[in-house]
Amino acid sequence: MVKYALYVPLKAKAGKEAKVEAFLKQGAEMAKKEQGTITWYAFKEDEGRYDIFDTFDDEAGRDAHLNGEIAKALMAKADELLAEQPQIHRIAILANK
């Protein structure tokens, strides 16, 4: 059972929604190459609000992801695409199906 996760809500700058969506789709492709990332989801809540949720078997996998290419790319594009800095929430998974 996966025990670790990250939740990252994102708010796109006005007019940058399509670029944020393209970035998130690219992130999914990048996540496929990360051995320690078990699942990686990007979803749209409503206009301009997006979220990333990913899971890991262990802290090492989560740390590798946080120091990996997706995180670096997100931080590099944050000022251009996002209305506010990403807030990264470290989550413990208590149960799953």
N, C-alpha and C. Protein backbone atom coordinates (compact mmCIF):
# COMPACT_ATOMS: atom_id res chain seq x y z
N MET A 1 0.83 -1.19 0.00
CA MET A 1 0.00 0.00 0.00
C MET A 1 0.87 1.25 0.00
N VAL A 2 0.53 2.19 -0.85
CA VAL A 2 1.26 3.46 -0.83
C VAL A 2 0.95 4.17 0.48
N LYS A 3 1.95 4.84 1.01
CA LYS A 3 1.80 5.48 2.31
C LYS A 3 2.06 6.98 2.27
N TYR A 4 2.62 7.46 1.18
CA TYR A 4 3.02 8.85 1.10
C TYR A 4 2.42 9.50 -0.15
N ALA A 5 2.12 10.79 -0.03
CA ALA A 5 1.55 11.51 -1.18
C ALA A 5 1.95 12.97 -1.12
N LEU A 6 1.69 13.63 -2.23
CA LEU A 6 1.82 15.08 -2.32
C LEU A 6 0.53 15.62 -2.93
N TYR A 7 0.10 16.76 -2.43
CA TYR A 7 -1.06 17.46 -3.00
C TYR A 7 -0.61 18.90 -3.24
N VAL A 8 -0.77 19.36 -4.48
CA VAL A 8 -0.30 20.69 -4.85
C VAL A 8 -1.41 21.42 -5.61
N PRO A 9 -2.14 22.33 -4.93
CA PRO A 9 -3.13 23.13 -5.64
C PRO A 9 -2.43 24.25 -6.43
N LEU A 10 -2.96 24.53 -7.60
CA LEU A 10 -2.38 25.55 -8.48
C LEU A 10 -3.46 26.50 -8.97
N LYS A 11 -3.14 27.78 -9.06
CA LYS A 11 -4.06 28.77 -9.63
C LYS A 11 -3.36 29.43 -10.80
N ALA A 12 -3.92 29.25 -11.98
CA ALA A 12 -3.33 29.82 -13.19
C ALA A 12 -3.55 31.33 -13.23
N LYS A 13 -2.59 32.04 -13.81
CA LYS A 13 -2.81 33.45 -14.11
C LYS A 13 -3.88 33.54 -15.18
N ALA A 14 -4.63 34.62 -15.17
CA ALA A 14 -5.68 34.82 -16.18
C ALA A 14 -5.05 34.75 -17.57
N GLY A 15 -5.67 33.97 -18.44
CA GLY A 15 -5.18 33.82 -19.80
C GLY A 15 -4.10 32.77 -19.98
N LYS A 16 -3.64 32.16 -18.88
CA LYS A 16 -2.57 31.16 -18.95
C LYS A 16 -3.09 29.73 -18.73
N GLU A 17 -4.40 29.56 -18.69
CA GLU A 17 -4.97 28.25 -18.40
C GLU A 17 -4.52 27.17 -19.39
N ALA A 18 -4.53 27.48 -20.66
CA ALA A 18 -4.13 26.49 -21.67
C ALA A 18 -2.67 26.10 -21.49
N LYS A 19 -1.82 27.04 -21.13
CA LYS A 19 -0.41 26.73 -20.92
C LYS A 19 -0.22 25.89 -19.66
N VAL A 20 -1.00 26.15 -18.63
CA VAL A 20 -0.92 25.33 -17.42
C VAL A 20 -1.35 23.90 -17.74
N GLU A 21 -2.44 23.76 -18.49
CA GLU A 21 -2.92 22.42 -18.86
C GLU A 21 -1.88 21.68 -19.70
N ALA A 22 -1.24 22.37 -20.62
CA ALA A 22 -0.19 21.74 -21.44
C ALA A 22 0.99 21.33 -20.55
N PHE A 23 1.36 22.19 -19.62
CA PHE A 23 2.44 21.87 -18.69
C PHE A 23 2.11 20.63 -17.88
N LEU A 24 0.88 20.53 -17.38
CA LEU A 24 0.48 19.38 -16.58
C LEU A 24 0.49 18.09 -17.40
N LYS A 25 0.08 18.16 -18.64
CA LYS A 25 0.12 16.98 -19.50
C LYS A 25 1.56 16.54 -19.74
N GLN A 26 2.46 17.50 -19.89
CA GLN A 26 3.88 17.18 -20.03
C GLN A 26 4.41 16.57 -18.73
N GLY A 27 3.93 17.07 -17.59
CA GLY A 27 4.34 16.53 -16.30
C GLY A 27 3.98 15.06 -16.15
N ALA A 28 2.81 14.68 -16.68
CA ALA A 28 2.41 13.28 -16.62
C ALA A 28 3.39 12.39 -17.37
N GLU A 29 3.85 12.86 -18.51
CA GLU A 29 4.84 12.10 -19.29
C GLU A 29 6.16 12.00 -18.54
N MET A 30 6.55 13.08 -17.90
CA MET A 30 7.79 13.07 -17.12
C MET A 30 7.68 12.13 -15.93
N ALA A 31 6.51 12.08 -15.30
CA ALA A 31 6.31 11.23 -14.12
C ALA A 31 6.44 9.75 -14.47
N LYS A 32 6.12 9.38 -15.70
CA LYS A 32 6.24 7.98 -16.12
C LYS A 32 7.68 7.48 -16.01
N LYS A 33 8.63 8.38 -16.05
CA LYS A 33 10.05 8.02 -15.99
C LYS A 33 10.59 7.95 -14.56
N GLU A 34 9.79 8.38 -13.59
CA GLU A 34 10.23 8.39 -12.20
C GLU A 34 9.91 7.05 -11.54
N GLN A 35 10.92 6.34 -11.20
CA GLN A 35 10.75 5.00 -10.64
C GLN A 35 10.00 5.01 -9.31
N GLY A 36 10.23 6.00 -8.47
CA GLY A 36 9.61 6.04 -7.15
C GLY A 36 8.22 6.63 -7.11
N THR A 37 7.76 7.21 -8.21
CA THR A 37 6.41 7.78 -8.26
C THR A 37 5.44 6.69 -8.69
N ILE A 38 4.51 6.33 -7.82
CA ILE A 38 3.57 5.25 -8.10
C ILE A 38 2.42 5.77 -8.97
N THR A 39 1.77 6.83 -8.54
CA THR A 39 0.72 7.46 -9.36
C THR A 39 0.96 8.96 -9.41
N TRP A 40 0.52 9.57 -10.49
CA TRP A 40 0.66 11.02 -10.66
C TRP A 40 -0.59 11.50 -11.39
N TYR A 41 -1.33 12.37 -10.74
CA TYR A 41 -2.57 12.89 -11.32
C TYR A 41 -2.51 14.40 -11.39
N ALA A 42 -3.04 14.95 -12.46
CA ALA A 42 -3.27 16.39 -12.57
C ALA A 42 -4.74 16.53 -12.93
N PHE A 43 -5.43 17.43 -12.24
CA PHE A 43 -6.84 17.60 -12.55
C PHE A 43 -7.25 19.06 -12.44
N LYS A 44 -8.38 19.34 -13.06
CA LYS A 44 -8.93 20.69 -13.10
C LYS A 44 -10.14 20.74 -12.18
N GLU A 45 -10.12 21.67 -11.24
CA GLU A 45 -11.25 21.84 -10.33
C GLU A 45 -12.32 22.70 -10.99
N ASP A 46 -11.93 23.88 -11.40
CA ASP A 46 -12.81 24.79 -12.11
C ASP A 46 -11.92 25.72 -12.93
N GLU A 47 -12.49 26.73 -13.52
CA GLU A 47 -11.72 27.60 -14.40
C GLU A 47 -10.54 28.23 -13.67
N GLY A 48 -9.35 27.88 -14.11
CA GLY A 48 -8.14 28.47 -13.55
C GLY A 48 -7.57 27.77 -12.33
N ARG A 49 -8.27 26.77 -11.79
CA ARG A 49 -7.78 26.05 -10.61
C ARG A 49 -7.48 24.60 -10.98
N TYR A 50 -6.26 24.20 -10.65
CA TYR A 50 -5.76 22.87 -10.99
C TYR A 50 -5.12 22.26 -9.75
N ASP A 51 -4.90 20.97 -9.78
CA ASP A 51 -4.27 20.27 -8.67
C ASP A 51 -3.39 19.15 -9.20
N ILE A 52 -2.34 18.86 -8.45
CA ILE A 52 -1.50 17.70 -8.69
C ILE A 52 -1.59 16.83 -7.44
N PHE A 53 -1.77 15.53 -7.65
CA PHE A 53 -1.79 14.57 -6.55
C PHE A 53 -0.97 13.37 -6.99
N ASP A 54 0.04 13.04 -6.22
CA ASP A 54 0.87 11.89 -6.57
C ASP A 54 1.18 11.06 -5.34
N THR A 55 1.48 9.77 -5.57
CA THR A 55 1.69 8.86 -4.46
C THR A 55 3.03 8.13 -4.58
N PHE A 56 3.50 7.65 -3.41
CA PHE A 56 4.82 7.04 -3.31
C PHE A 56 4.78 5.94 -2.26
N ASP A 57 5.59 4.91 -2.44
CA ASP A 57 5.68 3.84 -1.46
C ASP A 57 6.48 4.24 -0.23
N ASP A 58 7.43 5.15 -0.43
CA ASP A 58 8.30 5.51 0.68
C ASP A 58 8.73 6.97 0.58
N GLU A 59 9.31 7.43 1.66
CA GLU A 59 9.77 8.82 1.74
C GLU A 59 10.87 9.10 0.71
N ALA A 60 11.70 8.11 0.43
CA ALA A 60 12.78 8.29 -0.54
C ALA A 60 12.22 8.60 -1.93
N GLY A 61 11.16 7.91 -2.32
CA GLY A 61 10.52 8.18 -3.61
C GLY A 61 9.92 9.57 -3.66
N ARG A 62 9.28 9.97 -2.56
CA ARG A 62 8.69 11.31 -2.51
C ARG A 62 9.77 12.37 -2.56
N ASP A 63 10.85 12.18 -1.81
CA ASP A 63 11.95 13.15 -1.83
C ASP A 63 12.59 13.23 -3.21
N ALA A 64 12.77 12.08 -3.86
CA ALA A 64 13.35 12.09 -5.21
C ALA A 64 12.45 12.88 -6.17
N HIS A 65 11.16 12.72 -6.03
CA HIS A 65 10.22 13.46 -6.88
C HIS A 65 10.31 14.96 -6.60
N LEU A 66 10.34 15.33 -5.33
CA LEU A 66 10.42 16.75 -4.96
C LEU A 66 11.71 17.42 -5.44
N ASN A 67 12.74 16.62 -5.64
CA ASN A 67 14.02 17.15 -6.13
C ASN A 67 14.24 16.83 -7.60
N GLY A 68 13.20 16.33 -8.26
CA GLY A 68 13.33 15.88 -9.64
C GLY A 68 12.95 16.93 -10.68
N GLU A 69 12.86 16.46 -11.91
CA GLU A 69 12.66 17.34 -13.06
C GLU A 69 11.30 18.03 -13.07
N ILE A 70 10.25 17.36 -12.64
CA ILE A 70 8.91 17.99 -12.64
C ILE A 70 8.89 19.16 -11.68
N ALA A 71 9.39 18.96 -10.47
CA ALA A 71 9.40 20.04 -9.48
C ALA A 71 10.25 21.21 -9.96
N LYS A 72 11.40 20.91 -10.56
CA LYS A 72 12.25 21.99 -11.09
C LYS A 72 11.54 22.76 -12.19
N ALA A 73 10.86 22.04 -13.08
CA ALA A 73 10.14 22.68 -14.18
C ALA A 73 8.99 23.53 -13.65
N LEU A 74 8.27 23.02 -12.65
CA LEU A 74 7.16 23.77 -12.07
C LEU A 74 7.64 25.07 -11.44
N MET A 75 8.69 25.00 -10.68
CA MET A 75 9.21 26.20 -10.03
C MET A 75 9.77 27.20 -11.06
N ALA A 76 10.35 26.69 -12.14
CA ALA A 76 10.89 27.56 -13.18
C ALA A 76 9.78 28.31 -13.92
N LYS A 77 8.59 27.69 -14.03
CA LYS A 77 7.47 28.29 -14.77
C LYS A 77 6.46 28.98 -13.86
N ALA A 78 6.62 28.88 -12.55
CA ALA A 78 5.62 29.38 -11.61
C ALA A 78 5.31 30.86 -11.82
N ASP A 79 6.32 31.71 -11.91
CA ASP A 79 6.08 33.14 -12.07
C ASP A 79 5.37 33.47 -13.37
N GLU A 80 5.67 32.73 -14.41
CA GLU A 80 5.06 32.96 -15.72
C GLU A 80 3.60 32.48 -15.78
N LEU A 81 3.31 31.32 -15.19
CA LEU A 81 2.01 30.67 -15.39
C LEU A 81 1.04 30.80 -14.22
N LEU A 82 1.55 30.96 -13.00
CA LEU A 82 0.69 30.86 -11.83
C LEU A 82 0.46 32.19 -11.14
N ALA A 83 -0.76 32.35 -10.62
CA ALA A 83 -1.14 33.58 -9.92
C ALA A 83 -0.57 33.62 -8.51
N GLU A 84 -0.22 32.45 -7.97
CA GLU A 84 0.38 32.37 -6.64
C GLU A 84 1.37 31.21 -6.61
N GLN A 85 2.31 31.27 -5.71
CA GLN A 85 3.31 30.21 -5.62
C GLN A 85 2.65 28.89 -5.21
N PRO A 86 3.11 27.77 -5.78
CA PRO A 86 2.54 26.48 -5.41
C PRO A 86 2.77 26.16 -3.93
N GLN A 87 1.75 25.64 -3.30
CA GLN A 87 1.84 25.18 -1.91
C GLN A 87 1.90 23.65 -1.95
N ILE A 88 3.00 23.09 -1.53
CA ILE A 88 3.20 21.65 -1.58
C ILE A 88 2.83 21.05 -0.23
N HIS A 89 1.82 20.17 -0.24
CA HIS A 89 1.35 19.53 0.98
C HIS A 89 1.83 18.08 1.00
N ARG A 90 2.59 17.73 2.02
CA ARG A 90 3.02 16.34 2.22
C ARG A 90 1.91 15.63 2.98
N ILE A 91 1.47 14.51 2.42
CA ILE A 91 0.31 13.81 2.96
C ILE A 91 0.69 12.37 3.31
N ALA A 92 0.12 11.87 4.40
CA ALA A 92 0.24 10.46 4.77
C ALA A 92 -1.06 9.77 4.36
N ILE A 93 -0.96 8.70 3.59
CA ILE A 93 -2.13 7.94 3.18
C ILE A 93 -2.51 6.99 4.32
N LEU A 94 -3.72 7.08 4.80
CA LEU A 94 -4.17 6.23 5.89
C LEU A 94 -4.84 4.95 5.40
N ALA A 95 -5.54 5.04 4.26
CA ALA A 95 -6.23 3.89 3.71
C ALA A 95 -6.46 4.12 2.22
N ASN A 96 -6.57 3.04 1.47
CA ASN A 96 -6.89 3.15 0.05
C ASN A 96 -7.54 1.87 -0.43
N LYS A 97 -8.03 1.90 -1.63
CA LYS A 97 -8.65 0.72 -2.22
C LYS A 97 -7.94 0.39 -3.50
